[in-house]
Protein backbone atom coordinates (compact mmCIF):
# COMPACT_ATOMS: atom_id res chain seq x y z
CA UNK A 1 -20.40 -40.59 14.89
CA UNK A 2 -23.17 -42.27 16.81
CA UNK A 3 -25.75 -39.68 17.97
CA UNK A 4 -25.31 -40.81 21.57
CA UNK A 5 -22.03 -41.98 23.05
CA UNK A 6 -21.95 -42.93 26.70
CA UNK A 7 -18.93 -43.60 28.84
CA UNK A 8 -19.04 -44.11 32.61
CA UNK A 9 -15.76 -44.04 34.53
CA UNK A 10 -15.42 -46.00 37.76
CA UNK A 11 -12.47 -44.65 39.79
CA UNK A 12 -12.83 -47.54 42.25
CA UNK A 13 -11.77 -50.01 39.55
CA UNK A 14 -7.99 -49.69 39.47
CA UNK A 15 -7.03 -51.48 36.27
CA UNK A 16 -3.49 -51.20 34.90
CA UNK A 17 -2.95 -48.81 31.98
CA UNK A 18 -0.90 -51.35 30.04
CA UNK A 19 -1.73 -54.93 29.27
CA UNK A 20 1.64 -56.27 30.47
CA UNK A 21 1.39 -54.71 33.95
CA UNK A 22 0.90 -57.00 36.90
CA UNK A 23 -1.61 -55.72 39.45
CA UNK A 24 1.10 -55.56 42.10
CA UNK A 25 3.20 -53.31 39.87
CA UNK A 26 0.64 -50.53 39.44
CA UNK A 27 1.82 -47.44 41.34
CA UNK A 28 -0.97 -45.96 43.47
CA UNK A 29 -0.26 -42.40 42.31
CA UNK A 30 1.85 -40.21 40.08
CA UNK A 31 5.37 -39.43 41.29
CA UNK A 32 5.79 -36.36 43.46
CA UNK A 33 5.98 -33.25 41.34
CA UNK A 34 9.32 -31.50 40.92
CA UNK A 35 7.45 -28.26 41.51
CA UNK A 36 3.80 -27.46 42.23
CA UNK A 37 2.39 -24.31 40.67
CA UNK A 38 -0.93 -22.51 41.04
CA UNK A 39 -2.79 -19.61 39.45
CA UNK A 40 -0.48 -16.56 39.11
CA UNK A 41 -2.81 -14.29 41.07
CA UNK A 42 -5.46 -16.47 42.75
CA UNK A 43 -4.85 -19.57 44.85
CA UNK A 44 -6.58 -21.63 47.48
CA UNK A 45 -9.08 -24.51 47.55
CA UNK A 46 -7.42 -26.34 44.63
CA UNK A 47 -9.11 -29.69 44.01
CA UNK A 48 -7.67 -30.73 40.64
CA UNK A 49 -4.25 -30.92 39.05
CA UNK A 50 -2.43 -31.23 35.74
CA UNK A 51 0.86 -33.15 35.62
CA UNK A 52 3.15 -32.42 32.66
CA UNK A 53 4.84 -35.58 31.37
CA UNK A 54 6.38 -34.06 28.22
CA UNK A 55 5.55 -33.33 24.57
CA UNK A 56 1.71 -33.11 24.55
CA UNK A 57 1.34 -35.71 27.29
CA UNK A 58 -0.37 -34.47 30.44
CA UNK A 59 -2.33 -36.24 33.17
CA UNK A 60 -5.33 -34.48 34.67
CA UNK A 61 -6.56 -35.63 38.09
CA UNK A 62 -9.99 -34.61 39.37
CA UNK A 63 -12.84 -36.30 41.25
CA UNK A 64 -10.84 -39.51 41.50
CA UNK A 65 -10.41 -39.67 37.72
CA UNK A 66 -7.17 -39.59 35.72
CA UNK A 67 -7.38 -38.39 32.11
CA UNK A 68 -4.24 -38.61 29.96
CA UNK A 69 -3.67 -36.60 26.80
CA UNK A 70 -1.65 -37.73 23.77
CA UNK A 71 0.51 -40.45 25.38
CA UNK A 72 4.12 -40.34 24.19
CA UNK A 73 6.73 -41.97 26.44
CA UNK A 74 9.74 -42.31 24.16
CA UNK A 75 13.18 -41.28 25.44
CA UNK A 76 15.99 -39.10 24.15
CA UNK A 77 17.48 -40.74 21.06
CA UNK A 78 14.29 -42.60 20.08
CA UNK A 79 12.83 -41.91 16.63
CA UNK A 80 9.32 -41.37 15.31
CA UNK A 81 7.96 -41.61 11.77
CA UNK A 82 5.69 -38.65 10.97
CA UNK A 83 4.89 -39.14 7.30
CA UNK A 84 6.54 -39.92 3.97
CA UNK A 85 10.22 -39.02 4.30
CA UNK A 86 9.70 -37.39 7.70
CA UNK A 87 11.34 -38.78 10.84
CA UNK A 88 12.32 -37.04 14.04
CA UNK A 89 14.47 -37.77 17.07
CA UNK A 90 13.33 -37.16 20.61
CA UNK A 91 15.77 -34.96 22.52
CA UNK A 92 14.18 -35.07 25.99
CA UNK A 93 12.98 -37.72 28.43
CA UNK A 94 9.43 -37.99 29.80
CA UNK A 95 8.84 -37.24 33.47
CA UNK A 96 8.01 -40.90 34.07
CA UNK A 97 8.06 -44.11 32.07
CA UNK A 98 5.02 -45.71 30.50
CA UNK A 99 5.16 -48.71 32.83
CA UNK A 100 5.39 -46.45 35.89
CA UNK A 101 1.93 -45.01 35.26
CA UNK A 102 -0.77 -45.40 37.88
CA UNK A 103 -4.31 -46.31 36.83
CA UNK A 104 -5.55 -44.20 33.89
CA UNK A 105 -9.31 -43.89 33.31
CA UNK A 106 -9.46 -42.37 29.83
CA UNK A 107 -7.18 -41.09 27.07
CA UNK A 108 -7.82 -37.97 24.99
CA UNK A 109 -5.95 -38.40 21.69
CA UNK A 110 -5.77 -35.38 19.37
CA UNK A 111 -4.57 -37.33 16.33
CA UNK A 112 -2.89 -40.51 15.17
CA UNK A 113 0.75 -39.36 14.96
CA UNK A 114 3.71 -41.14 16.54
CA UNK A 115 4.86 -38.14 18.58
CA UNK A 116 1.42 -38.20 20.24
CA UNK A 117 0.78 -41.95 20.29
CA UNK A 118 4.10 -43.70 19.86
CA UNK A 119 4.57 -47.30 18.74
CA UNK A 120 5.50 -48.53 22.22
CA UNK A 121 2.36 -46.93 23.65
CA UNK A 122 0.27 -48.47 20.87
CA UNK A 123 1.72 -51.92 21.54
CA UNK A 124 1.43 -51.69 25.31
CA UNK A 125 -1.83 -49.97 26.26
CA UNK A 126 -4.66 -52.09 27.61
CA UNK A 127 -7.05 -52.79 24.73
CA UNK A 128 -10.18 -51.79 26.63
CA UNK A 129 -8.74 -48.50 27.91
CA UNK A 130 -11.24 -45.81 26.79
CA UNK A 131 -9.87 -43.46 24.12
CA UNK A 132 -11.64 -40.36 22.77
CA UNK A 133 -10.20 -39.25 19.46
CA UNK A 134 -10.73 -38.36 15.79
CA UNK A 135 -12.64 -40.55 13.32
CA UNK A 136 -9.32 -41.12 11.47
CA UNK A 137 -7.55 -42.35 14.60
CA UNK A 138 -10.49 -44.55 15.57
CA UNK A 139 -10.39 -46.26 12.18
CA UNK A 140 -6.75 -47.25 12.80
CA UNK A 141 -7.10 -48.20 16.45
CA UNK A 142 -10.14 -50.42 15.99
CA UNK A 143 -8.91 -52.26 12.87
CA UNK A 144 -5.51 -53.45 14.04
CA UNK A 145 -4.70 -56.89 12.66
CA UNK A 146 -4.11 -59.83 14.97
CA UNK A 147 -6.08 -61.52 17.70
CA UNK A 148 -6.91 -59.18 20.59
CA UNK A 149 -4.93 -56.33 18.97
CA UNK A 150 -7.80 -53.94 18.15
CA UNK A 151 -8.74 -51.33 20.73
CA UNK A 152 -12.30 -51.95 21.90
CA UNK A 153 -13.39 -48.75 23.65
CA UNK A 154 -12.70 -45.94 21.16
CA UNK A 155 -15.01 -42.94 20.79
CA UNK A 156 -14.80 -40.60 17.79
CA UNK A 157 -15.72 -36.92 17.77
CA UNK A 158 -16.03 -34.74 14.68
CA UNK A 159 -15.47 -30.99 14.94
CA UNK A 160 -17.88 -29.29 17.38
CA UNK A 161 -19.52 -32.56 18.44
CA UNK A 162 -19.51 -33.53 22.11
CA UNK A 163 -19.89 -36.40 24.52
CA UNK A 164 -20.44 -36.39 28.27
CA UNK A 165 -18.41 -38.81 30.37
CA UNK A 166 -19.87 -39.47 33.81
CA UNK A 167 -18.06 -40.57 36.95
CA UNK A 168 -19.67 -43.45 38.83
CA UNK A 169 -20.51 -42.33 42.37
CA UNK A 170 -19.16 -44.18 45.35
CA UNK A 171 -21.35 -47.07 46.45
CA UNK A 172 -22.31 -45.36 49.70
CA UNK A 173 -23.74 -42.28 47.96
CA UNK A 174 -27.57 -42.21 48.10
CA UNK A 175 -29.47 -42.89 44.87
CA UNK A 176 -32.41 -40.73 43.81
CA UNK A 177 -34.01 -39.62 40.55
CA UNK A 178 -32.16 -36.30 40.30
CA UNK A 179 -28.80 -37.30 41.74
CA UNK A 180 -26.04 -35.14 40.26
CA UNK A 181 -22.80 -36.93 39.44
CA UNK A 182 -19.38 -35.63 38.49
CA UNK A 183 -18.98 -35.47 34.72
CA UNK A 184 -16.59 -34.38 31.97
CA UNK A 185 -17.85 -32.93 28.71
CA UNK A 186 -15.50 -33.33 25.74
CA UNK A 187 -16.08 -31.27 22.58
CA UNK A 188 -13.91 -31.54 19.47
CA UNK A 189 -12.45 -28.26 18.25
CA UNK A 190 -11.04 -27.45 14.79
CA UNK A 191 -7.35 -27.73 13.99
CA UNK A 192 -5.17 -27.65 10.89
CA UNK A 193 -1.81 -29.45 10.99
CA UNK A 194 -1.09 -28.35 7.40
CA UNK A 195 -1.69 -24.77 6.22
CA UNK A 196 -4.71 -24.17 3.98
CA UNK A 197 -4.23 -23.81 0.24
CA UNK A 198 -2.56 -26.10 -2.27
CA UNK A 199 -0.54 -27.99 0.36
CA UNK A 200 -3.57 -28.56 2.54
CA UNK A 201 -5.62 -29.80 -0.41
CA UNK A 202 -2.82 -32.11 -1.49
CA UNK A 203 -2.47 -33.49 2.04
CA UNK A 204 -6.22 -34.12 2.20
CA UNK A 205 -5.88 -36.20 -0.97
CA UNK A 206 -2.85 -38.29 0.00
CA UNK A 207 -3.25 -38.33 3.79
CA UNK A 208 0.44 -37.79 4.53
CA UNK A 209 -0.25 -35.91 7.77
CA UNK A 210 -3.31 -37.07 9.75
CA UNK A 211 -6.28 -34.84 10.64
CA UNK A 212 -6.20 -33.44 14.14
CA UNK A 213 -8.65 -32.20 16.78
CA UNK A 214 -8.35 -29.60 19.44
CA UNK A 215 -10.60 -30.05 22.47
CA UNK A 216 -12.68 -28.19 24.97
CA UNK A 217 -12.72 -30.26 28.14
CA UNK A 218 -15.27 -29.17 30.74
CA UNK A 219 -15.30 -30.46 34.30
CA UNK A 220 -18.60 -30.32 36.14
CA UNK A 221 -21.67 -32.42 36.86
CA UNK A 222 -24.92 -33.63 35.40
CA UNK A 223 -28.06 -35.38 36.57
CA UNK A 224 -27.31 -39.08 36.35
CA UNK A 225 -28.53 -40.34 32.98
CA UNK A 226 -29.14 -36.86 31.55
CA UNK A 227 -26.28 -35.46 29.45
CA UNK A 228 -28.36 -32.37 28.66
CA UNK A 229 -28.23 -31.34 32.33
CA UNK A 230 -24.44 -30.89 32.29
CA UNK A 231 -23.13 -27.83 34.14
CA UNK A 232 -19.52 -26.68 33.88
CA UNK A 233 -17.29 -25.81 36.84
CA UNK A 234 -14.01 -25.44 34.92
CA UNK A 235 -13.28 -25.18 31.19
CA UNK A 236 -10.02 -26.16 29.46
CA UNK A 237 -9.18 -25.55 25.80
CA UNK A 238 -6.47 -27.81 24.36
CA UNK A 239 -5.26 -26.51 21.00
CA UNK A 240 -3.91 -29.76 19.60
CA UNK A 241 -1.36 -29.61 16.79
CA UNK A 242 -2.70 -26.72 14.77
CA UNK A 243 -1.61 -23.57 13.03
CA UNK A 244 -3.30 -20.21 13.46
CA UNK A 245 -6.10 -20.73 10.93
CA UNK A 246 -9.45 -19.03 10.39
CA UNK A 247 -11.41 -22.02 11.68
CA UNK A 248 -10.18 -21.25 15.21
CA UNK A 249 -12.11 -17.98 15.21
CA UNK A 250 -15.34 -19.90 15.75
CA UNK A 251 -14.19 -21.11 19.17
CA UNK A 252 -14.57 -17.80 21.06
CA UNK A 253 -17.83 -17.21 19.19
CA UNK A 254 -19.25 -20.51 20.44
CA UNK A 255 -18.10 -19.80 23.99
CA UNK A 256 -19.00 -16.12 24.04
CA UNK A 257 -19.79 -15.01 27.59
CA UNK A 258 -18.21 -18.17 29.02
CA UNK A 259 -14.77 -18.33 30.61
CA UNK A 260 -11.96 -20.45 29.20
CA UNK A 261 -10.24 -21.07 32.53
CA UNK A 262 -7.15 -22.76 31.11
CA UNK A 263 -5.59 -23.17 27.68
CA UNK A 264 -2.98 -25.80 26.83
CA UNK A 265 -1.29 -24.58 23.67
CA UNK A 266 0.82 -26.84 21.46
CA UNK A 267 3.86 -24.86 20.32
CA UNK A 268 7.31 -25.75 18.99
CA UNK A 269 7.09 -24.40 15.46
CA UNK A 270 7.40 -28.00 14.27
CA UNK A 271 8.91 -27.82 10.79
CA UNK A 272 9.15 -30.65 8.26
CA UNK A 273 10.67 -32.56 6.61
CA UNK A 274 13.68 -32.03 8.93
CA UNK A 275 15.58 -29.51 11.02
CA UNK A 276 18.10 -29.30 8.18
CA UNK A 277 15.43 -28.79 5.50
CA UNK A 278 12.75 -26.70 7.24
CA UNK A 279 10.21 -26.24 4.46
CA UNK A 280 6.79 -26.39 6.13
CA UNK A 281 5.74 -25.39 9.66
CA UNK A 282 2.94 -27.58 11.03
CA UNK A 283 2.51 -26.41 14.65
CA UNK A 284 2.42 -22.93 16.14
CA UNK A 285 5.57 -20.98 16.87
CA UNK A 286 5.81 -18.38 19.64
CA UNK A 287 4.22 -15.60 17.59
CA UNK A 288 1.23 -17.70 16.58
CA UNK A 289 0.89 -18.89 20.18
CA UNK A 290 0.48 -15.26 21.26
CA UNK A 291 -2.12 -14.76 18.52
CA UNK A 292 -4.09 -17.71 19.89
CA UNK A 293 -3.92 -16.32 23.43
CA UNK A 294 -5.34 -13.04 22.15
CA UNK A 295 -8.08 -14.87 20.23
CA UNK A 296 -9.19 -17.30 22.97
CA UNK A 297 -8.50 -14.98 25.94
CA UNK A 298 -8.07 -17.76 28.51
CA UNK A 299 -7.66 -16.94 32.17
CA UNK A 300 -4.39 -18.90 32.20
CA UNK A 301 -2.27 -20.45 29.44
CA UNK A 302 0.16 -23.34 29.84
CA UNK A 303 2.43 -24.06 26.85
CA UNK A 304 3.22 -27.70 26.07
CA UNK A 305 4.72 -29.55 23.06
CA UNK A 306 7.61 -27.11 22.59
CA UNK A 307 11.07 -28.72 22.62
CA UNK A 308 10.87 -32.51 22.76
CA UNK A 309 11.78 -33.33 19.14
CA UNK A 310 14.55 -32.06 16.89
CA UNK A 311 12.09 -30.66 14.31
CA UNK A 312 10.63 -28.27 16.88
CA UNK A 313 12.46 -25.13 15.77
CA UNK A 314 10.68 -22.43 17.80
CA UNK A 315 11.96 -22.68 21.39
CA UNK A 316 9.78 -21.83 24.38
CA UNK A 317 11.71 -18.59 24.78
CA UNK A 318 10.04 -17.34 21.57
CA UNK A 319 6.64 -17.63 23.28
CA UNK A 320 7.93 -16.21 26.57
CA UNK A 321 9.32 -13.16 24.79
CA UNK A 322 6.07 -12.61 22.87
CA UNK A 323 3.97 -12.89 26.03
CA UNK A 324 6.25 -10.52 27.95
CA UNK A 325 6.21 -7.91 25.19
CA UNK A 326 2.40 -8.18 25.12
CA UNK A 327 2.21 -7.59 28.89
CA UNK A 328 0.65 -11.01 29.50
CA UNK A 329 3.16 -12.52 31.94
CA UNK A 330 0.48 -12.89 34.64
CA UNK A 331 -1.67 -14.90 32.25
CA UNK A 332 0.77 -17.78 31.75
CA UNK A 333 2.21 -20.62 33.83
CA UNK A 334 5.31 -22.46 32.63
CA UNK A 335 5.69 -26.13 33.51
CA UNK A 336 8.78 -28.25 33.19
CA UNK A 337 8.41 -32.00 32.71
CA UNK A 338 7.41 -33.41 36.11
CA UNK A 339 5.75 -30.20 37.33
CA UNK A 340 2.15 -30.05 38.54
CA UNK A 341 -0.40 -27.26 38.11
CA UNK A 342 -3.15 -27.25 40.74
CA UNK A 343 -6.48 -25.51 40.14
CA UNK A 344 -9.98 -25.27 41.52
CA UNK A 345 -13.08 -26.74 39.89
CA UNK A 346 -16.33 -25.18 41.12
CA UNK A 347 -18.91 -27.51 42.61
CA UNK A 348 -21.95 -27.65 40.32
């Protein structure tokens, strides 16, 4: 990774998310939410939102910026290839279609897997759309064969490395040497899609299942041109496709004394090679999800990635039951596809 990576987002530039959009066809906003939800015990002054599309695809809106995670817009009946001998069928529909997206400023991609970055998305996305991802995913996205096929604005982050993404101020805002601008700080977190041991070592050798990142996404501000001045007003941990492994224990150590305001946990108990031959679980089930809640201790948890594909064998009810039995019902918000969670980012 380059020691300094700089990305400036300009919300006033409303480019289409896909390269086959016409300007006239770009919707100005996301569709109205089926249901709007807020913090279970505290509400008021919400200035940001998270729209759940389906699978691990969410769209965060704040300070005029739209950030999309793990874009997957396949429909029920569509198939994905997830490794040698592993395919899966989608059993749900996304809350909106890929070509119904409004302007997207940046994509946060946890790993290069078709249920997180499907073939239609890969073919359709605008080539200069900024993508923050793993070194493995970057190597694929930037080396695509064919004229104008490679993605040109891809940023890689290794575990526990960060980059600050600034938001270009409106033209009428005064300029001075210490002007603070809205900013997002993205830090790669550890994740293991394959359990440690012989299977993990073997997978590292043959690369059957790609490496994955979790993320800490912080919303705040910094002095323009000074990443070191970043101050956080809201902190989100996104687990990515991981199991409950020892490496995750470093996350609360690194953020000791700092609040994790929101956790998006990838669940589903995804088990390969198929629902009929469930030999290896590669994402958290309900029990492991509860373990992660207890480890990270977020203020609020939202489960995602739990029932969209036929190899997800741990239904959301497993997590609901575990959270209820642990007395943590007031620490979780459940979103259906098309729901919106509104929250408040402190001014910094």
